[in-house]
């Protein structure tokens, strides 16, 4: 098997790790919930219309939003999902560990992806 090293230079960084209460991105620890957009990493302010406003604002740069709901999968309220889908952003709900892994894979494929990851 031939392995190719992935170079993320010039694009949004992958999630290097996650642990109790936060995430490591580009060797920087981010305490609490995380929002990764093409513009970079920031603290996520919660699953609400206000919390998802930055995602909606970036809709022209995104095809899919992964939402890591923590250790367990939980549904996203229809009033939060509908505005995202109305602007053409697909929404995938999964556990936070799965969302982090999927985000990194989609980045490696040069996909237009964002992730909201609730800390575990």
PDB file of N, CA and C in Angstrom:
ATOM      1  N   UNK A   1       0.840  -1.161   0.000  1.00  0.00           N
ATOM      2  CA  UNK A   1       0.000   0.000   0.000  1.00  0.00           C
ATOM      3  C   UNK A   1       0.894   1.235   0.000  1.00  0.00           C
ATOM      4  N   UNK A   2       0.547   2.182  -0.825  1.00  0.00           N
ATOM      5  CA  UNK A   2       1.300   3.429  -0.901  1.00  0.00           C
ATOM      6  C   UNK A   2       0.561   4.506  -0.100  1.00  0.00           C
ATOM      7  N   UNK A   3       1.261   5.177   0.794  1.00  0.00           N
ATOM      8  CA  UNK A   3       0.672   6.222   1.607  1.00  0.00           C
ATOM      9  C   UNK A   3       1.146   7.584   1.122  1.00  0.00           C
ATOM     10  N   UNK A   4       0.231   8.512   1.023  1.00  0.00           N
ATOM     11  CA  UNK A   4       0.558   9.886   0.644  1.00  0.00           C
ATOM     12  C   UNK A   4       0.282  10.796   1.821  1.00  0.00           C
ATOM     13  N   UNK A   5       1.261  11.620   2.168  1.00  0.00           N
ATOM     14  CA  UNK A   5       1.048  12.573   3.247  1.00  0.00           C
ATOM     15  C   UNK A   5       0.158  13.703   2.735  1.00  0.00           C
ATOM     16  N   UNK A   6      -0.807  14.093   3.554  1.00  0.00           N
ATOM     17  CA  UNK A   6      -1.744  15.142   3.173  1.00  0.00           C
ATOM     18  C   UNK A   6      -1.182  16.487   3.620  1.00  0.00           C
ATOM     19  N   UNK A   7      -1.217  17.454   2.726  1.00  0.00           N
ATOM     20  CA  UNK A   7      -0.744  18.802   3.016  1.00  0.00           C
ATOM     21  C   UNK A   7      -1.944  19.728   3.100  1.00  0.00           C
ATOM     22  N   UNK A   8      -2.194  20.292   4.279  1.00  0.00           N
ATOM     23  CA  UNK A   8      -3.341  21.174   4.472  1.00  0.00           C
ATOM     24  C   UNK A   8      -2.959  22.643   4.338  1.00  0.00           C
ATOM     25  N   UNK A   9      -1.735  22.915   3.886  1.00  0.00           N
ATOM     26  CA  UNK A   9      -1.298  24.303   3.751  1.00  0.00           C
ATOM     27  C   UNK A   9      -2.186  25.037   2.749  1.00  0.00           C
ATOM     28  N   UNK A  10      -2.590  26.227   3.120  1.00  0.00           N
ATOM     29  CA  UNK A  10      -3.425  27.020   2.240  1.00  0.00           C
ATOM     30  C   UNK A  10      -4.912  26.737   2.369  1.00  0.00           C
ATOM     31  N   UNK A  11      -5.301  25.819   3.233  1.00  0.00           N
ATOM     32  CA  UNK A  11      -6.718  25.551   3.457  1.00  0.00           C
ATOM     33  C   UNK A  11      -6.969  25.481   4.955  1.00  0.00           C
ATOM     34  N   UNK A  12      -8.228  25.369   5.319  1.00  0.00           N
ATOM     35  CA  UNK A  12      -8.536  25.327   6.734  1.00  0.00           C
ATOM     36  C   UNK A  12      -7.864  24.116   7.375  1.00  0.00           C
ATOM     37  N   UNK A  13      -7.441  24.259   8.628  1.00  0.00           N
ATOM     38  CA  UNK A  13      -6.691  23.176   9.261  1.00  0.00           C
ATOM     39  C   UNK A  13      -7.597  22.036   9.726  1.00  0.00           C
ATOM     40  N   UNK A  14      -7.033  20.845   9.837  1.00  0.00           N
ATOM     41  CA  UNK A  14      -7.790  19.720  10.390  1.00  0.00           C
ATOM     42  C   UNK A  14      -7.872  19.836  11.910  1.00  0.00           C
ATOM     43  N   UNK A  15      -8.728  19.025  12.483  1.00  0.00           N
ATOM     44  CA  UNK A  15      -8.810  18.905  13.939  1.00  0.00           C
ATOM     45  C   UNK A  15      -7.778  17.858  14.343  1.00  0.00           C
ATOM     46  N   UNK A  16      -6.769  18.300  15.093  1.00  0.00           N
ATOM     47  CA  UNK A  16      -5.674  17.411  15.476  1.00  0.00           C
ATOM     48  C   UNK A  16      -6.063  16.441  16.580  1.00  0.00           C
ATOM     49  N   UNK A  17      -6.975  16.850  17.444  1.00  0.00           N
ATOM     50  CA  UNK A  17      -7.361  15.987  18.549  1.00  0.00           C
ATOM     51  C   UNK A  17      -8.519  16.590  19.332  1.00  0.00           C
ATOM     52  N   UNK A  18      -9.106  15.763  20.166  1.00  0.00           N
ATOM     53  CA  UNK A  18     -10.184  16.212  21.039  1.00  0.00           C
ATOM     54  C   UNK A  18     -10.069  15.446  22.345  1.00  0.00           C
ATOM     55  N   UNK A  19     -10.573  16.049  23.371  1.00  0.00           N
ATOM     56  CA  UNK A  19     -10.498  15.414  24.671  1.00  0.00           C
ATOM     57  C   UNK A  19     -11.473  16.065  25.613  1.00  0.00           C
ATOM     58  N   UNK A  20     -11.335  15.778  26.878  1.00  0.00           N
ATOM     59  CA  UNK A  20     -12.284  16.320  27.848  1.00  0.00           C
ATOM     60  C   UNK A  20     -12.349  17.846  27.777  1.00  0.00           C
ATOM     61  N   UNK A  21     -13.454  18.342  27.266  1.00  0.00           N
ATOM     62  CA  UNK A  21     -13.697  19.765  27.307  1.00  0.00           C
ATOM     63  C   UNK A  21     -13.174  20.613  26.175  1.00  0.00           C
ATOM     64  N   UNK A  22     -12.581  20.031  25.136  1.00  0.00           N
ATOM     65  CA  UNK A  22     -12.078  20.877  24.064  1.00  0.00           C
ATOM     66  C   UNK A  22     -11.448  20.133  22.904  1.00  0.00           C
ATOM     67  N   UNK A  23     -10.760  20.918  22.069  1.00  0.00           N
ATOM     68  CA  UNK A  23     -10.215  20.414  20.800  1.00  0.00           C
ATOM     69  C   UNK A  23      -8.849  21.035  20.541  1.00  0.00           C
ATOM     70  N   UNK A  24      -7.985  20.308  19.825  1.00  0.00           N
ATOM     71  CA  UNK A  24      -6.700  20.832  19.388  1.00  0.00           C
ATOM     72  C   UNK A  24      -6.749  21.021  17.878  1.00  0.00           C
ATOM     73  N   UNK A  25      -6.512  22.254  17.442  1.00  0.00           N
ATOM     74  CA  UNK A  25      -6.511  22.610  16.023  1.00  0.00           C
ATOM     75  C   UNK A  25      -5.223  23.362  15.743  1.00  0.00           C
ATOM     76  N   UNK A  26      -4.453  22.878  14.774  1.00  0.00           N
ATOM     77  CA  UNK A  26      -3.172  23.512  14.412  1.00  0.00           C
ATOM     78  C   UNK A  26      -2.315  23.731  15.659  1.00  0.00           C
ATOM     79  N   UNK A  27      -2.271  22.713  16.492  1.00  0.00           N
ATOM     80  CA  UNK A  27      -1.469  22.680  17.715  1.00  0.00           C
ATOM     81  C   UNK A  27      -1.890  23.708  18.769  1.00  0.00           C
ATOM     82  N   UNK A  28      -3.116  24.246  18.653  1.00  0.00           N
ATOM     83  CA  UNK A  28      -3.652  25.190  19.633  1.00  0.00           C
ATOM     84  C   UNK A  28      -4.880  24.552  20.289  1.00  0.00           C
ATOM     85  N   UNK A  29      -4.916  24.568  21.625  1.00  0.00           N
ATOM     86  CA  UNK A  29      -6.046  24.002  22.357  1.00  0.00           C
ATOM     87  C   UNK A  29      -7.187  25.012  22.399  1.00  0.00           C
ATOM     88  N   UNK A  30      -8.390  24.567  22.031  1.00  0.00           N
ATOM     89  CA  UNK A  30      -9.607  25.381  22.075  1.00  0.00           C
ATOM     90  C   UNK A  30     -10.537  24.781  23.120  1.00  0.00           C
ATOM     91  N   UNK A  31     -10.737  25.496  24.203  1.00  0.00           N
ATOM     92  CA  UNK A  31     -11.600  25.042  25.290  1.00  0.00           C
ATOM     93  C   UNK A  31     -13.067  25.193  24.881  1.00  0.00           C
ATOM     94  N   UNK A  32     -13.886  24.203  25.175  1.00  0.00           N
ATOM     95  CA  UNK A  32     -15.320  24.286  24.909  1.00  0.00           C
ATOM     96  C   UNK A  32     -15.692  23.821  23.517  1.00  0.00           C
ATOM     97  N   UNK A  33     -16.911  24.166  23.122  1.00  0.00           N
ATOM     98  CA  UNK A  33     -17.443  23.763  21.819  1.00  0.00           C
ATOM     99  C   UNK A  33     -16.720  24.509  20.704  1.00  0.00           C
ATOM    100  N   UNK A  34     -16.647  23.884  19.528  1.00  0.00           N
ATOM    101  CA  UNK A  34     -15.823  24.385  18.428  1.00  0.00           C
ATOM    102  C   UNK A  34     -16.641  24.576  17.166  1.00  0.00           C
ATOM    103  N   UNK A  35     -16.342  25.655  16.446  1.00  0.00           N
ATOM    104  CA  UNK A  35     -16.890  25.899  15.115  1.00  0.00           C
ATOM    105  C   UNK A  35     -15.716  26.048  14.170  1.00  0.00           C
ATOM    106  N   UNK A  36     -15.669  25.210  13.140  1.00  0.00           N
ATOM    107  CA  UNK A  36     -14.619  25.284  12.120  1.00  0.00           C
ATOM    108  C   UNK A  36     -15.268  25.670  10.792  1.00  0.00           C
ATOM    109  N   UNK A  37     -14.907  26.847  10.307  1.00  0.00           N
ATOM    110  CA  UNK A  37     -15.360  27.348   9.017  1.00  0.00           C
ATOM    111  C   UNK A  37     -14.142  27.551   8.125  1.00  0.00           C
ATOM    112  N   UNK A  38     -14.329  27.776   6.835  1.00  0.00           N
ATOM    113  CA  UNK A  38     -13.175  28.078   5.988  1.00  0.00           C
ATOM    114  C   UNK A  38     -12.366  29.271   6.498  1.00  0.00           C
ATOM    115  N   UNK A  39     -12.994  30.166   7.233  1.00  0.00           N
ATOM    116  CA  UNK A  39     -12.293  31.329   7.782  1.00  0.00           C
ATOM    117  C   UNK A  39     -11.486  31.008   9.037  1.00  0.00           C
ATOM    118  N   UNK A  40     -11.669  29.812   9.611  1.00  0.00           N
ATOM    119  CA  UNK A  40     -10.886  29.415  10.771  1.00  0.00           C
ATOM    120  C   UNK A  40     -11.713  28.848  11.905  1.00  0.00           C
ATOM    121  N   UNK A  41     -11.035  28.627  13.020  1.00  0.00           N
ATOM    122  CA  UNK A  41     -11.642  28.025  14.205  1.00  0.00           C
ATOM    123  C   UNK A  41     -12.100  29.102  15.165  1.00  0.00           C
ATOM    124  N   UNK A  42     -13.229  28.858  15.815  1.00  0.00           N
ATOM    125  CA  UNK A  42     -13.709  29.762  16.851  1.00  0.00           C
ATOM    126  C   UNK A  42     -14.536  28.976  17.851  1.00  0.00           C
ATOM    127  N   UNK A  43     -14.775  29.591  18.974  1.00  0.00           N
ATOM    128  CA  UNK A  43     -15.632  28.965  19.988  1.00  0.00           C
ATOM    129  C   UNK A  43     -17.076  29.013  19.483  1.00  0.00           C
ATOM    130  N   UNK A  44     -17.787  27.924  19.657  1.00  0.00           N
ATOM    131  CA  UNK A  44     -19.172  27.834  19.223  1.00  0.00           C
ATOM    132  C   UNK A  44     -20.071  28.229  20.382  1.00  0.00           C
ATOM    133  N   UNK A  45     -21.045  29.090  20.109  1.00  0.00           N
ATOM    134  CA  UNK A  45     -21.864  29.643  21.182  1.00  0.00           C
ATOM    135  C   UNK A  45     -23.167  28.891  21.435  1.00  0.00           C
ATOM    136  N   UNK A  46     -23.339  27.731  20.826  1.00  0.00           N
ATOM    137  CA  UNK A  46     -24.499  26.914  21.152  1.00  0.00           C
ATOM    138  C   UNK A  46     -25.412  26.631  19.977  1.00  0.00           C
ATOM    139  N   UNK A  47     -26.141  25.532  20.083  1.00  0.00           N
ATOM    140  CA  UNK A  47     -27.078  25.132  19.031  1.00  0.00           C
ATOM    141  C   UNK A  47     -28.333  25.998  19.120  1.00  0.00           C
ATOM    142  N   UNK A  48     -28.238  27.141  18.487  1.00  0.00           N
ATOM    143  CA  UNK A  48     -29.336  28.102  18.447  1.00  0.00           C
ATOM    144  C   UNK A  48     -29.225  28.864  17.132  1.00  0.00           C
ATOM    145  N   UNK A  49     -30.234  29.659  16.822  1.00  0.00           N
ATOM    146  CA  UNK A  49     -30.183  30.479  15.606  1.00  0.00           C
ATOM    147  C   UNK A  49     -28.977  31.422  15.653  1.00  0.00           C
ATOM    148  N   UNK A  50     -28.695  31.995  16.823  1.00  0.00           N
ATOM    149  CA  UNK A  50     -27.551  32.892  16.966  1.00  0.00           C
ATOM    150  C   UNK A  50     -26.234  32.140  16.795  1.00  0.00           C
ATOM    151  N   UNK A  51     -26.151  30.955  17.373  1.00  0.00           N
ATOM    152  CA  UNK A  51     -24.932  30.159  17.277  1.00  0.00           C
ATOM    153  C   UNK A  51     -24.627  29.720  15.855  1.00  0.00           C
ATOM    154  N   UNK A  52     -25.667  29.453  15.069  1.00  0.00           N
ATOM    155  CA  UNK A  52     -25.470  29.002  13.691  1.00  0.00           C
ATOM    156  C   UNK A  52     -25.407  30.144  12.683  1.00  0.00           C
ATOM    157  N   UNK A  53     -25.560  31.391  13.145  1.00  0.00           N
ATOM    158  CA  UNK A  53     -25.510  32.551  12.240  1.00  0.00           C
ATOM    159  C   UNK A  53     -24.206  32.629  11.439  1.00  0.00           C
ATOM    160  N   UNK A  54     -23.025  32.360  12.034  1.00  0.00           N
ATOM    161  CA  UNK A  54     -21.798  32.401  11.226  1.00  0.00           C
ATOM    162  C   UNK A  54     -21.780  31.357  10.105  1.00  0.00           C
ATOM    163  N   UNK A  55     -22.410  30.216  10.340  1.00  0.00           N
ATOM    164  CA  UNK A  55     -22.491  29.174   9.305  1.00  0.00           C
ATOM    165  C   UNK A  55     -23.369  29.664   8.158  1.00  0.00           C
ATOM    166  N   UNK A  56     -24.501  30.234   8.486  1.00  0.00           N
ATOM    167  CA  UNK A  56     -25.387  30.775   7.450  1.00  0.00           C
ATOM    168  C   UNK A  56     -24.696  31.884   6.664  1.00  0.00           C
ATOM    169  N   UNK A  57     -23.919  32.718   7.340  1.00  0.00           N
ATOM    170  CA  UNK A  57     -23.205  33.798   6.663  1.00  0.00           C
ATOM    171  C   UNK A  57     -22.160  33.270   5.680  1.00  0.00           C
ATOM    172  N   UNK A  58     -21.626  32.085   5.952  1.00  0.00           N
ATOM    173  CA  UNK A  58     -20.601  31.486   5.092  1.00  0.00           C
ATOM    174  C   UNK A  58     -21.187  30.528   4.068  1.00  0.00           C
ATOM    175  N   UNK A  59     -22.503  30.554   3.860  1.00  0.00           N
ATOM    176  CA  UNK A  59     -23.151  29.546   3.024  1.00  0.00           C
ATOM    177  C   UNK A  59     -22.579  29.455   1.607  1.00  0.00           C
ATOM    178  N   UNK A  60     -22.062  30.528   1.062  1.00  0.00           N
ATOM    179  CA  UNK A  60     -21.489  30.476  -0.284  1.00  0.00           C
ATOM    180  C   UNK A  60     -20.201  29.679  -0.379  1.00  0.00           C
ATOM    181  N   UNK A  61     -19.581  29.413   0.767  1.00  0.00           N
ATOM    182  CA  UNK A  61     -18.318  28.675   0.811  1.00  0.00           C
ATOM    183  C   UNK A  61     -18.476  27.248   1.304  1.00  0.00           C
ATOM    184  N   UNK A  62     -19.718  26.814   1.555  1.00  0.00           N
ATOM    185  CA  UNK A  62     -19.950  25.505   2.173  1.00  0.00           C
ATOM    186  C   UNK A  62     -20.934  24.658   1.378  1.00  0.00           C
ATOM    187  N   UNK A  63     -20.705  23.368   1.425  1.00  0.00           N
ATOM    188  CA  UNK A  63     -21.672  22.406   0.891  1.00  0.00           C
ATOM    189  C   UNK A  63     -22.305  21.588   2.003  1.00  0.00           C
ATOM    190  N   UNK A  64     -21.529  21.344   3.062  1.00  0.00           N
ATOM    191  CA  UNK A  64     -22.025  20.475   4.127  1.00  0.00           C
ATOM    192  C   UNK A  64     -21.542  20.980   5.484  1.00  0.00           C
ATOM    193  N   UNK A  65     -22.425  20.854   6.471  1.00  0.00           N
ATOM    194  CA  UNK A  65     -22.103  21.145   7.864  1.00  0.00           C
ATOM    195  C   UNK A  65     -22.239  19.852   8.647  1.00  0.00           C
ATOM    196  N   UNK A  66     -21.161  19.462   9.293  1.00  0.00           N
ATOM    197  CA  UNK A  66     -21.192  18.311  10.191  1.00  0.00           C
ATOM    198  C   UNK A  66     -21.458  18.842  11.592  1.00  0.00           C
ATOM    199  N   UNK A  67     -22.366  18.215  12.303  1.00  0.00           N
ATOM    200  CA  UNK A  67     -22.653  18.624  13.675  1.00  0.00           C
ATOM    201  C   UNK A  67     -22.371  17.447  14.596  1.00  0.00           C
ATOM    202  N   UNK A  68     -21.345  17.605  15.406  1.00  0.00           N
ATOM    203  CA  UNK A  68     -21.002  16.611  16.421  1.00  0.00           C
ATOM    204  C   UNK A  68     -21.759  16.932  17.689  1.00  0.00           C
ATOM    205  N   UNK A  69     -22.692  16.068  18.052  1.00  0.00           N
ATOM    206  CA  UNK A  69     -23.618  16.339  19.155  1.00  0.00           C
ATOM    207  C   UNK A  69     -23.085  15.916  20.524  1.00  0.00           C
ATOM    208  N   UNK A  70     -21.801  15.644  20.633  1.00  0.00           N
ATOM    209  CA  UNK A  70     -21.238  15.169  21.894  1.00  0.00           C
ATOM    210  C   UNK A  70     -20.983  13.674  21.796  1.00  0.00           C
ATOM    211  N   UNK A  71     -21.049  13.000  22.922  1.00  0.00           N
ATOM    212  CA  UNK A  71     -20.775  11.562  22.943  1.00  0.00           C
ATOM    213  C   UNK A  71     -21.883  10.748  22.291  1.00  0.00           C
ATOM    214  N   UNK A  72     -23.085  11.259  22.311  1.00  0.00           N
ATOM    215  CA  UNK A  72     -24.248  10.552  21.753  1.00  0.00           C
ATOM    216  C   UNK A  72     -24.888  11.384  20.645  1.00  0.00           C
ATOM    217  N   UNK A  73     -25.546  10.727  19.735  1.00  0.00           N
ATOM    218  CA  UNK A  73     -26.248  11.417  18.656  1.00  0.00           C
ATOM    219  C   UNK A  73     -27.618  11.863  19.160  1.00  0.00           C
ATOM    220  N   UNK A  74     -27.968  13.083  18.827  1.00  0.00           N
ATOM    221  CA  UNK A  74     -29.287  13.627  19.169  1.00  0.00           C
ATOM    222  C   UNK A  74     -29.799  14.376  17.942  1.00  0.00           C
ATOM    223  N   UNK A  75     -31.092  14.443  17.752  1.00  0.00           N
ATOM    224  CA  UNK A  75     -31.621  15.140  16.572  1.00  0.00           C
ATOM    225  C   UNK A  75     -31.411  16.652  16.675  1.00  0.00           C
ATOM    226  N   UNK A  76     -31.337  17.286  15.513  1.00  0.00           N
ATOM    227  CA  UNK A  76     -31.271  18.743  15.432  1.00  0.00           C
ATOM    228  C   UNK A  76     -32.684  19.262  15.236  1.00  0.00           C
ATOM    229  N   UNK A  77     -33.058  20.270  15.987  1.00  0.00           N
ATOM    230  CA  UNK A  77     -34.408  20.832  15.899  1.00  0.00           C
ATOM    231  C   UNK A  77     -34.697  21.289  14.466  1.00  0.00           C
ATOM    232  N   UNK A  78     -35.885  20.983  13.956  1.00  0.00           N
ATOM    233  CA  UNK A  78     -36.234  21.377  12.581  1.00  0.00           C
ATOM    234  C   UNK A  78     -36.089  22.869  12.315  1.00  0.00           C
ATOM    235  N   UNK A  79     -36.348  23.723  13.315  1.00  0.00           N
ATOM    236  CA  UNK A  79     -36.217  25.170  13.100  1.00  0.00           C
ATOM    237  C   UNK A  79     -34.762  25.613  12.967  1.00  0.00           C
ATOM    238  N   UNK A  80     -33.807  24.763  13.346  1.00  0.00           N
ATOM    239  CA  UNK A  80     -32.384  25.040  13.132  1.00  0.00           C
ATOM    240  C   UNK A  80     -31.892  24.437  11.821  1.00  0.00           C
ATOM    241  N   UNK A  81     -32.420  23.283  11.456  1.00  0.00           N
ATOM    242  CA  UNK A  81     -32.014  22.607  10.218  1.00  0.00           C
ATOM    243  C   UNK A  81     -32.547  23.339   8.981  1.00  0.00           C
ATOM    244  N   UNK A  82     -33.789  23.786   9.012  1.00  0.00           N
ATOM    245  CA  UNK A  82     -34.444  24.361   7.830  1.00  0.00           C
ATOM    246  C   UNK A  82     -33.698  25.552   7.231  1.00  0.00           C
ATOM    247  N   UNK A  83     -33.237  26.532   8.026  1.00  0.00           N
ATOM    248  CA  UNK A  83     -32.524  27.660   7.406  1.00  0.00           C
ATOM    249  C   UNK A  83     -31.218  27.247   6.727  1.00  0.00           C
ATOM    250  N   UNK A  84     -30.534  26.258   7.292  1.00  0.00           N
ATOM    251  CA  UNK A  84     -29.293  25.772   6.686  1.00  0.00           C
ATOM    252  C   UNK A  84     -29.572  25.124   5.337  1.00  0.00           C
ATOM    253  N   UNK A  85     -30.562  24.249   5.309  1.00  0.00           N
ATOM    254  CA  UNK A  85     -30.900  23.564   4.062  1.00  0.00           C
ATOM    255  C   UNK A  85     -31.475  24.533   3.034  1.00  0.00           C
ATOM    256  N   UNK A  86     -32.159  25.588   3.487  1.00  0.00           N
ATOM    257  CA  UNK A  86     -32.740  26.570   2.566  1.00  0.00           C
ATOM    258  C   UNK A  86     -31.672  27.316   1.768  1.00  0.00           C
ATOM    259  N   UNK A  87     -30.470  27.468   2.338  1.00  0.00           N
ATOM    260  CA  UNK A  87     -29.382  28.143   1.610  1.00  0.00           C
ATOM    261  C   UNK A  87     -28.425  27.149   0.954  1.00  0.00           C
ATOM    262  N   UNK A  88     -28.797  25.865   0.949  1.00  0.00           N
ATOM    263  CA  UNK A  88     -28.018  24.861   0.230  1.00  0.00           C
ATOM    264  C   UNK A  88     -26.936  24.163   1.029  1.00  0.00           C
ATOM    265  N   UNK A  89     -26.972  24.281   2.351  1.00  0.00           N
ATOM    266  CA  UNK A  89     -25.996  23.587   3.186  1.00  0.00           C
ATOM    267  C   UNK A  89     -26.610  22.273   3.659  1.00  0.00           C
ATOM    268  N   UNK A  90     -25.988  21.167   3.275  1.00  0.00           N
ATOM    269  CA  UNK A  90     -26.415  19.871   3.787  1.00  0.00           C
ATOM    270  C   UNK A  90     -25.987  19.733   5.238  1.00  0.00           C
ATOM    271  N   UNK A  91     -26.788  19.066   6.038  1.00  0.00           N
ATOM    272  CA  UNK A  91     -26.519  18.916   7.466  1.00  0.00           C
ATOM    273  C   UNK A  91     -26.425  17.437   7.793  1.00  0.00           C
ATOM    274  N   UNK A  92     -25.328  17.060   8.438  1.00  0.00           N
ATOM    275  CA  UNK A  92     -25.131  15.679   8.880  1.00  0.00           C
ATOM    276  C   UNK A  92     -24.907  15.681  10.381  1.00  0.00           C
ATOM    277  N   UNK A  93     -25.728  14.923  11.101  1.00  0.00           N
ATOM    278  CA  UNK A  93     -25.646  14.825  12.555  1.00  0.00           C
ATOM    279  C   UNK A  93     -24.921  13.534  12.916  1.00  0.00           C
ATOM    280  N   UNK A  94     -23.986  13.627  13.863  1.00  0.00           N
ATOM    281  CA  UNK A  94     -23.248  12.447  14.318  1.00  0.00           C
ATOM    282  C   UNK A  94     -22.648  12.746  15.688  1.00  0.00           C
ATOM    283  N   UNK A  95     -21.985  11.779  16.260  1.00  0.00           N
ATOM    284  CA  UNK A  95     -21.285  12.026  17.520  1.00  0.00           C
ATOM    285  C   UNK A  95     -20.075  12.927  17.237  1.00  0.00           C
ATOM    286  N   UNK A  96     -19.588  13.599  18.248  1.00  0.00           N
ATOM    287  CA  UNK A  96     -18.446  14.495  18.059  1.00  0.00           C
ATOM    288  C   UNK A  96     -17.203  13.762  17.552  1.00  0.00           C
ATOM    289  N   UNK A  97     -16.831  12.605  18.108  1.00  0.00           N
ATOM    290  CA  UNK A  97     -15.662  11.924  17.555  1.00  0.00           C
ATOM    291  C   UNK A  97     -15.820  11.602  16.055  1.00  0.00           C
ATOM    292  N   UNK A  98     -16.998  11.152  15.660  1.00  0.00           N
ATOM    293  CA  UNK A  98     -17.244  10.852  14.247  1.00  0.00           C
ATOM    294  C   UNK A  98     -17.197  12.118  13.399  1.00  0.00           C
ATOM    295  N   UNK A  99     -17.731  13.217  13.919  1.00  0.00           N
ATOM    296  CA  UNK A  99     -17.726  14.484  13.180  1.00  0.00           C
ATOM    297  C   UNK A  99     -16.297  14.969  12.957  1.00  0.00           C
ATOM    298  N   UNK A 100     -15.441  14.845  13.956  1.00  0.00           N
ATOM    299  CA  UNK A 100     -14.039  15.269  13.809  1.00  0.00           C
ATOM    300  C   UNK A 100     -13.329  14.440  12.735  1.00  0.00           C
ATOM    301  N   UNK A 101     -13.512  13.132  12.782  1.00  0.00           N
ATOM    302  CA  UNK A 101     -12.866  12.264  11.787  1.00  0.00           C
ATOM    303  C   UNK A 101     -13.396  12.546  10.387  1.00  0.00           C
ATOM    304  N   UNK A 102     -14.706  12.665  10.260  1.00  0.00           N
ATOM    305  CA  UNK A 102     -15.321  12.912   8.948  1.00  0.00           C
ATOM    306  C   UNK A 102     -14.885  14.259   8.394  1.00  0.00           C
ATOM    307  N   UNK A 103     -14.828  15.262   9.239  1.00  0.00           N
ATOM    308  CA  UNK A 103     -14.365  16.593   8.839  1.00  0.00           C
ATOM    309  C   UNK A 103     -12.962  16.508   8.232  1.00  0.00           C
ATOM    310  N   UNK A 104     -12.056  15.812   8.915  1.00  0.00           N
ATOM    311  CA  UNK A 104     -10.682  15.692   8.417  1.00  0.00           C
ATOM    312  C   UNK A 104     -10.619  14.966   7.081  1.00  0.00           C
ATOM    313  N   UNK A 105     -11.411  13.920   6.921  1.00  0.00           N
ATOM    314  CA  UNK A 105     -11.436  13.185   5.653  1.00  0.00           C
ATOM    315  C   UNK A 105     -11.950  14.080   4.524  1.00  0.00           C
ATOM    316  N   UNK A 106     -13.031  14.809   4.780  1.00  0.00           N
ATOM    317  CA  UNK A 106     -13.590  15.688   3.754  1.00  0.00           C
ATOM    318  C   UNK A 106     -12.631  16.826   3.410  1.00  0.00           C
ATOM    319  N   UNK A 107     -11.905  17.340   4.398  1.00  0.00           N
ATOM    320  CA  UNK A 107     -10.875  18.346   4.114  1.00  0.00           C
ATOM    321  C   UNK A 107      -9.809  17.774   3.187  1.00  0.00           C
ATOM    322  N   UNK A 108      -9.379  16.558   3.475  1.00  0.00           N
ATOM    323  CA  UNK A 108      -8.348  15.917   2.648  1.00  0.00           C
ATOM    324  C   UNK A 108      -8.828  15.738   1.213  1.00  0.00           C
ATOM    325  N   UNK A 109     -10.137  15.614   1.034  1.00  0.00           N
ATOM    326  CA  UNK A 109     -10.725  15.492  -0.302  1.00  0.00           C
ATOM    327  C   UNK A 109     -11.022  16.863  -0.918  1.00  0.00           C
ATOM    328  N   UNK A 110     -10.600  17.938  -0.224  1.00  0.00           N
ATOM    329  CA  UNK A 110     -10.794  19.318  -0.688  1.00  0.00           C
ATOM    330  C   UNK A 110     -12.263  19.676  -0.845  1.00  0.00           C
ATOM    331  N   UNK A 111     -13.074  19.160   0.070  1.00  0.00           N
ATOM    332  CA  UNK A 111     -14.522  19.445   0.068  1.00  0.00           C
ATOM    333  C   UNK A 111     -14.800  20.731   0.824  1.00  0.00           C
ATOM    334  N   UNK A 112     -15.919  21.356   0.521  1.00  0.00           N
ATOM    335  CA  UNK A 112     -16.333  22.607   1.172  1.00  0.00           C
ATOM    336  C   UNK A 112     -17.159  22.245   2.409  1.00  0.00           C
ATOM    337  N   UNK A 113     -16.462  22.121   3.533  1.00  0.00           N
ATOM    338  CA  UNK A 113     -17.057  21.552   4.747  1.00  0.00           C
ATOM    339  C   UNK A 113     -16.815  22.456   5.946  1.00  0.00           C
ATOM    340  N   UNK A 114     -17.763  22.415   6.869  1.00  0.00           N
ATOM    341  CA  UNK A 114     -17.619  23.072   8.172  1.00  0.00           C
ATOM    342  C   UNK A 114     -18.067  22.066   9.223  1.00  0.00           C
ATOM    343  N   UNK A 115     -17.656  22.317  10.463  1.00  0.00           N
ATOM    344  CA  UNK A 115     -18.076  21.439  11.544  1.00  0.00           C
ATOM    345  C   UNK A 115     -18.382  22.264  12.793  1.00  0.00           C
ATOM    346  N   UNK A 116     -19.457  21.864  13.445  1.00  0.00           N
ATOM    347  CA  UNK A 116     -19.794  22.311  14.789  1.00  0.00           C
ATOM    348  C   UNK A 116     -19.573  21.079  15.655  1.00  0.00           C
ATOM    349  N   UNK A 117     -18.704  21.201  16.646  1.00  0.00           N
ATOM    350  CA  UNK A 117     -18.383  20.042  17.490  1.00  0.00           C
ATOM    351  C   UNK A 117     -18.612  20.426  18.950  1.00  0.00           C
ATOM    352  N   UNK A 118     -19.569  19.752  19.565  1.00  0.00           N
ATOM    353  CA  UNK A 118     -19.816  19.957  20.993  1.00  0.00           C
ATOM    354  C   UNK A 118     -18.793  19.144  21.769  1.00  0.00           C
ATOM    355  N   UNK A 119     -18.150  19.785  22.737  1.00  0.00           N
ATOM    356  CA  UNK A 119     -17.097  19.130  23.502  1.00  0.00           C
ATOM    357  C   UNK A 119     -17.620  17.902  24.235  1.00  0.00           C
ATOM    358  N   UNK A 120     -16.762  16.905  24.324  1.00  0.00           N
ATOM    359  CA  UNK A 120     -17.100  15.671  25.051  1.00  0.00           C
ATOM    360  C   UNK A 120     -16.331  15.610  26.348  1.00  0.00           C
TER     361      UNK A 120
END
